[in-house]
Amino acid sequence: MKKSLNVSLIFILLHLFSSAHAHQQVSVDNAWVRSAPPGADVLAAYMIIKNKSEETITLTGVSGSMFGRIEIHRTEMHEGMMKMIPQESMSVPAGGSVTLEPGGFHLMLIGPKTVPKEGEEIDLLLQFSNGHSQRIKVPVKADKNKGGVMEEHGHH
């Protein structure tokens, strides 16, 4: 009985260590959600995702209880027009980072249950290909560059 208890304890400690280690391999900086007018049906989130590991990781999904769905998008010029292209996933290179920003990669927060106000925070859960998930709090801010979410996503 004592031996099986020790084995179980070792297994639990290894699992906790590997989970903590996976969490340290991915960090999120400068996260923010662009504020939107009341009644908006889409918002955009931006951040820098850093991969401190020695292997490429892939962001495979994002969820948040305040939204109907969340999609990874990339902005690209197509026949003279800016288009938002849905992405199944987004790779973050080993030892590198990916910046989600207006005019590039970003998260589309679709169908908010209520539109969050400037100064509030939303909870998002990022899911990665290595099985790691990371919960983040993202502040809602006004875009200093104007344009707004509706202008950026006007081609949907």
C-alpha atoms as a PDB file:
ATOM      1  CA  MET A   1       0.000   0.000   0.000  1.00  0.00           C
ATOM      2  CA  LYS A   2       2.814   2.378   0.940  1.00  0.00           C
ATOM      3  CA  LYS A   3       4.638   1.672  -2.349  1.00  0.00           C
ATOM      4  CA  SER A   4       1.539   2.399  -4.455  1.00  0.00           C
ATOM      5  CA  LEU A   5       0.962   5.619  -2.469  1.00  0.00           C
ATOM      6  CA  ASN A   6       4.544   6.711  -3.198  1.00  0.00           C
ATOM      7  CA  VAL A   7       4.134   5.928  -6.909  1.00  0.00           C
ATOM      8  CA  SER A   8       0.876   7.890  -7.001  1.00  0.00           C
ATOM      9  CA  LEU A   9       2.494  10.838  -5.234  1.00  0.00           C
ATOM     10  CA  ILE A  10       5.414  10.814  -7.673  1.00  0.00           C
ATOM     11  CA  PHE A  11       3.006  10.698 -10.624  1.00  0.00           C
ATOM     12  CA  ILE A  12       1.029  13.662  -9.247  1.00  0.00           C
ATOM     13  CA  LEU A  13       4.192  15.692  -8.624  1.00  0.00           C
ATOM     14  CA  LEU A  14       5.517  14.955 -12.128  1.00  0.00           C
ATOM     15  CA  HIS A  15       2.183  15.991 -13.647  1.00  0.00           C
ATOM     16  CA  LEU A  16       2.172  19.240 -11.655  1.00  0.00           C
ATOM     17  CA  PHE A  17       5.791  19.945 -12.638  1.00  0.00           C
ATOM     18  CA  SER A  18       5.132  19.281 -16.338  1.00  0.00           C
ATOM     19  CA  SER A  19       2.017  21.491 -16.271  1.00  0.00           C
ATOM     20  CA  ALA A  20       3.934  24.307 -14.595  1.00  0.00           C
ATOM     21  CA  HIS A  21       6.788  23.833 -17.066  1.00  0.00           C
ATOM     22  CA  ALA A  22       4.394  23.997 -20.043  1.00  0.00           C
ATOM     23  CA  HIS A  23       2.856  27.168 -18.597  1.00  0.00           C
ATOM     24  CA  GLN A  24       6.314  28.779 -18.344  1.00  0.00           C
ATOM     25  CA  GLN A  25       7.041  27.963 -22.006  1.00  0.00           C
ATOM     26  CA  VAL A  26       4.235  30.208 -23.284  1.00  0.00           C
ATOM     27  CA  SER A  27       3.634  33.769 -22.179  1.00  0.00           C
ATOM     28  CA  VAL A  28       1.165  36.410 -23.303  1.00  0.00           C
ATOM     29  CA  ASP A  29       2.027  40.108 -23.169  1.00  0.00           C
ATOM     30  CA  ASN A  30       0.252  43.355 -24.049  1.00  0.00           C
ATOM     31  CA  ALA A  31      -3.158  41.722 -24.478  1.00  0.00           C
ATOM     32  CA  TRP A  32      -6.092  44.042 -25.156  1.00  0.00           C
ATOM     33  CA  VAL A  33      -9.551  44.060 -26.695  1.00  0.00           C
ATOM     34  CA  ARG A  34     -10.630  46.996 -28.828  1.00  0.00           C
ATOM     35  CA  SER A  35     -13.662  48.715 -27.317  1.00  0.00           C
ATOM     36  CA  ALA A  36     -16.787  48.740 -29.460  1.00  0.00           C
ATOM     37  CA  PRO A  37     -20.106  50.598 -29.437  1.00  0.00           C
ATOM     38  CA  PRO A  38     -23.137  49.091 -27.669  1.00  0.00           C
ATOM     39  CA  GLY A  39     -24.811  46.485 -29.858  1.00  0.00           C
ATOM     40  CA  ALA A  40     -21.603  45.539 -31.718  1.00  0.00           C
ATOM     41  CA  ASP A  41     -21.680  41.918 -32.877  1.00  0.00           C
ATOM     42  CA  VAL A  42     -17.901  41.524 -33.228  1.00  0.00           C
ATOM     43  CA  LEU A  43     -14.840  42.680 -31.296  1.00  0.00           C
ATOM     44  CA  ALA A  44     -11.129  42.132 -31.873  1.00  0.00           C
ATOM     45  CA  ALA A  45      -8.400  41.027 -29.456  1.00  0.00           C
ATOM     46  CA  TYR A  46      -4.668  41.560 -29.804  1.00  0.00           C
ATOM     47  CA  MET A  47      -1.593  40.347 -27.907  1.00  0.00           C
ATOM     48  CA  ILE A  48       1.950  39.041 -28.190  1.00  0.00           C
ATOM     49  CA  ILE A  49       2.326  35.283 -27.706  1.00  0.00           C
ATOM     50  CA  LYS A  50       5.873  34.221 -26.801  1.00  0.00           C
ATOM     51  CA  ASN A  51       7.172  30.661 -27.087  1.00  0.00           C
ATOM     52  CA  LYS A  52      10.127  30.047 -24.782  1.00  0.00           C
ATOM     53  CA  SER A  53      10.391  26.354 -25.678  1.00  0.00           C
ATOM     54  CA  GLU A  54      12.700  24.679 -28.173  1.00  0.00           C
ATOM     55  CA  GLU A  55       9.803  23.496 -30.362  1.00  0.00           C
ATOM     56  CA  THR A  56       7.202  25.320 -32.430  1.00  0.00           C
ATOM     57  CA  ILE A  57       3.841  25.422 -30.716  1.00  0.00           C
ATOM     58  CA  THR A  58       0.498  26.060 -32.349  1.00  0.00           C
ATOM     59  CA  LEU A  59      -2.439  28.055 -31.051  1.00  0.00           C
ATOM     60  CA  THR A  60      -5.301  25.734 -31.969  1.00  0.00           C
ATOM     61  CA  GLY A  61      -8.257  27.465 -30.374  1.00  0.00           C
ATOM     62  CA  VAL A  62      -9.530  30.241 -28.156  1.00  0.00           C
ATOM     63  CA  SER A  63     -12.693  30.300 -26.084  1.00  0.00           C
ATOM     64  CA  GLY A  64     -14.455  32.697 -23.776  1.00  0.00           C
ATOM     65  CA  SER A  65     -17.815  32.409 -22.065  1.00  0.00           C
ATOM     66  CA  MET A  66     -18.833  35.960 -23.088  1.00  0.00           C
ATOM     67  CA  PHE A  67     -18.815  35.122 -26.814  1.00  0.00           C
ATOM     68  CA  GLY A  68     -20.688  32.859 -29.202  1.00  0.00           C
ATOM     69  CA  ARG A  69     -17.399  31.892 -30.816  1.00  0.00           C
ATOM     70  CA  ILE A  70     -13.826  33.098 -31.193  1.00  0.00           C
ATOM     71  CA  GLU A  71     -11.807  32.721 -34.383  1.00  0.00           C
ATOM     72  CA  ILE A  72      -8.169  33.294 -35.285  1.00  0.00           C
ATOM     73  CA  HIS A  73      -7.957  35.645 -38.284  1.00  0.00           C
ATOM     74  CA  ARG A  74      -5.241  37.111 -40.482  1.00  0.00           C
ATOM     75  CA  THR A  75      -5.609  40.354 -42.427  1.00  0.00           C
ATOM     76  CA  GLU A  76      -4.210  40.329 -45.951  1.00  0.00           C
ATOM     77  CA  MET A  77      -4.466  42.433 -49.065  1.00  0.00           C
ATOM     78  CA  HIS A  78      -6.441  40.659 -51.797  1.00  0.00           C
ATOM     79  CA  GLU A  79      -7.125  42.359 -55.149  1.00  0.00           C
ATOM     80  CA  GLY A  80      -6.688  45.796 -53.634  1.00  0.00           C
ATOM     81  CA  MET A  81      -8.948  45.138 -50.629  1.00  0.00           C
ATOM     82  CA  MET A  82      -8.084  44.217 -47.061  1.00  0.00           C
ATOM     83  CA  LYS A  83      -9.703  40.890 -46.180  1.00  0.00           C
ATOM     84  CA  MET A  84      -9.967  38.941 -42.952  1.00  0.00           C
ATOM     85  CA  ILE A  85      -8.972  35.322 -43.551  1.00  0.00           C
ATOM     86  CA  PRO A  86     -10.042  32.779 -40.874  1.00  0.00           C
ATOM     87  CA  GLN A  87      -7.180  30.555 -39.716  1.00  0.00           C
ATOM     88  CA  GLU A  88      -7.520  27.045 -38.303  1.00  0.00           C
ATOM     89  CA  SER A  89      -4.461  27.666 -36.126  1.00  0.00           C
ATOM     90  CA  MET A  90      -1.423  29.897 -35.689  1.00  0.00           C
ATOM     91  CA  SER A  91       2.149  28.676 -35.206  1.00  0.00           C
ATOM     92  CA  VAL A  92       4.519  30.338 -32.756  1.00  0.00           C
ATOM     93  CA  PRO A  93       8.146  29.475 -33.609  1.00  0.00           C
ATOM     94  CA  ALA A  94      10.528  27.951 -31.069  1.00  0.00           C
ATOM     95  CA  GLY A  95      12.170  30.716 -29.076  1.00  0.00           C
ATOM     96  CA  GLY A  96      10.068  33.298 -30.941  1.00  0.00           C
ATOM     97  CA  SER A  97       6.826  35.190 -30.783  1.00  0.00           C
ATOM     98  CA  VAL A  98       3.813  36.165 -32.853  1.00  0.00           C
ATOM     99  CA  THR A  99       2.200  39.570 -32.544  1.00  0.00           C
ATOM    100  CA  LEU A 100      -1.560  39.786 -32.942  1.00  0.00           C
ATOM    101  CA  GLU A 101      -2.221  43.383 -33.993  1.00  0.00           C
ATOM    102  CA  PRO A 102      -4.546  45.516 -36.112  1.00  0.00           C
ATOM    103  CA  GLY A 103      -3.836  44.775 -39.775  1.00  0.00           C
ATOM    104  CA  GLY A 104      -2.279  41.345 -39.028  1.00  0.00           C
ATOM    105  CA  PHE A 105      -3.172  38.295 -36.973  1.00  0.00           C
ATOM    106  CA  HIS A 106      -5.959  38.934 -34.473  1.00  0.00           C
ATOM    107  CA  LEU A 107      -8.766  37.181 -32.630  1.00  0.00           C
ATOM    108  CA  MET A 108     -12.349  37.762 -33.737  1.00  0.00           C
ATOM    109  CA  LEU A 109     -14.662  37.762 -30.710  1.00  0.00           C
ATOM    110  CA  ILE A 110     -18.015  37.007 -32.318  1.00  0.00           C
ATOM    111  CA  GLY A 111     -21.486  37.322 -30.798  1.00  0.00           C
ATOM    112  CA  PRO A 112     -20.791  38.907 -27.416  1.00  0.00           C
ATOM    113  CA  LYS A 113     -23.501  38.234 -24.834  1.00  0.00           C
ATOM    114  CA  THR A 114     -22.939  41.829 -23.730  1.00  0.00           C
ATOM    115  CA  VAL A 115     -20.472  44.322 -25.189  1.00  0.00           C
ATOM    116  CA  PRO A 116     -17.769  44.960 -22.577  1.00  0.00           C
ATOM    117  CA  LYS A 117     -16.997  48.587 -21.783  1.00  0.00           C
ATOM    118  CA  GLU A 118     -13.639  50.311 -21.793  1.00  0.00           C
ATOM    119  CA  GLY A 119     -11.866  49.501 -18.519  1.00  0.00           C
ATOM    120  CA  GLU A 120     -13.517  46.077 -18.085  1.00  0.00           C
ATOM    121  CA  GLU A 121     -11.677  42.775 -18.524  1.00  0.00           C
ATOM    122  CA  ILE A 122     -12.670  39.645 -20.387  1.00  0.00           C
ATOM    123  CA  ASP A 123     -11.496  36.096 -19.744  1.00  0.00           C
ATOM    124  CA  LEU A 124     -10.078  34.052 -22.616  1.00  0.00           C
ATOM    125  CA  LEU A 125      -8.738  30.515 -22.701  1.00  0.00           C
ATOM    126  CA  LEU A 126      -5.948  29.869 -25.217  1.00  0.00           C
ATOM    127  CA  GLN A 127      -5.478  26.239 -26.300  1.00  0.00           C
ATOM    128  CA  PHE A 128      -2.191  24.983 -27.758  1.00  0.00           C
ATOM    129  CA  SER A 129      -1.160  21.930 -29.766  1.00  0.00           C
ATOM    130  CA  ASN A 130       1.015  20.587 -26.938  1.00  0.00           C
ATOM    131  CA  GLY A 131      -2.087  20.135 -24.753  1.00  0.00           C
ATOM    132  CA  HIS A 132      -1.340  23.273 -22.746  1.00  0.00           C
ATOM    133  CA  SER A 133      -4.075  25.807 -22.166  1.00  0.00           C
ATOM    134  CA  GLN A 134      -3.685  29.237 -20.659  1.00  0.00           C
ATOM    135  CA  ARG A 135      -6.376  31.425 -19.134  1.00  0.00           C
ATOM    136  CA  ILE A 136      -5.781  35.168 -19.536  1.00  0.00           C
ATOM    137  CA  LYS A 137      -7.588  38.353 -18.489  1.00  0.00           C
ATOM    138  CA  VAL A 138      -7.712  40.922 -21.271  1.00  0.00           C
ATOM    139  CA  PRO A 139      -8.486  44.599 -20.667  1.00  0.00           C
ATOM    140  CA  VAL A 140     -10.865  46.469 -22.969  1.00  0.00           C
ATOM    141  CA  LYS A 141      -9.243  49.636 -24.346  1.00  0.00           C
ATOM    142  CA  ALA A 142      -9.997  52.342 -26.888  1.00  0.00           C
ATOM    143  CA  ASP A 143      -7.883  52.116 -30.035  1.00  0.00           C
ATOM    144  CA  LYS A 144      -5.589  55.126 -30.136  1.00  0.00           C
ATOM    145  CA  ASN A 145      -5.275  54.743 -33.932  1.00  0.00           C
ATOM    146  CA  LYS A 146      -9.049  55.178 -34.414  1.00  0.00           C
ATOM    147  CA  GLY A 147     -10.517  53.221 -37.327  1.00  0.00           C
ATOM    148  CA  GLY A 148     -12.275  50.951 -34.886  1.00  0.00           C
ATOM    149  CA  VAL A 149     -13.316  47.337 -35.077  1.00  0.00           C
ATOM    150  CA  MET A 150     -16.138  48.007 -37.511  1.00  0.00           C
ATOM    151  CA  GLU A 151     -13.821  49.651 -40.022  1.00  0.00           C
ATOM    152  CA  GLU A 152     -11.247  46.856 -39.754  1.00  0.00           C
ATOM    153  CA  HIS A 153     -13.876  44.130 -40.154  1.00  0.00           C
ATOM    154  CA  GLY A 154     -16.098  45.933 -42.611  1.00  0.00           C
ATOM    155  CA  HIS A 155     -15.251  43.433 -45.363  1.00  0.00           C
ATOM    156  CA  HIS A 156     -16.722  40.372 -43.591  1.00  0.00           C
END
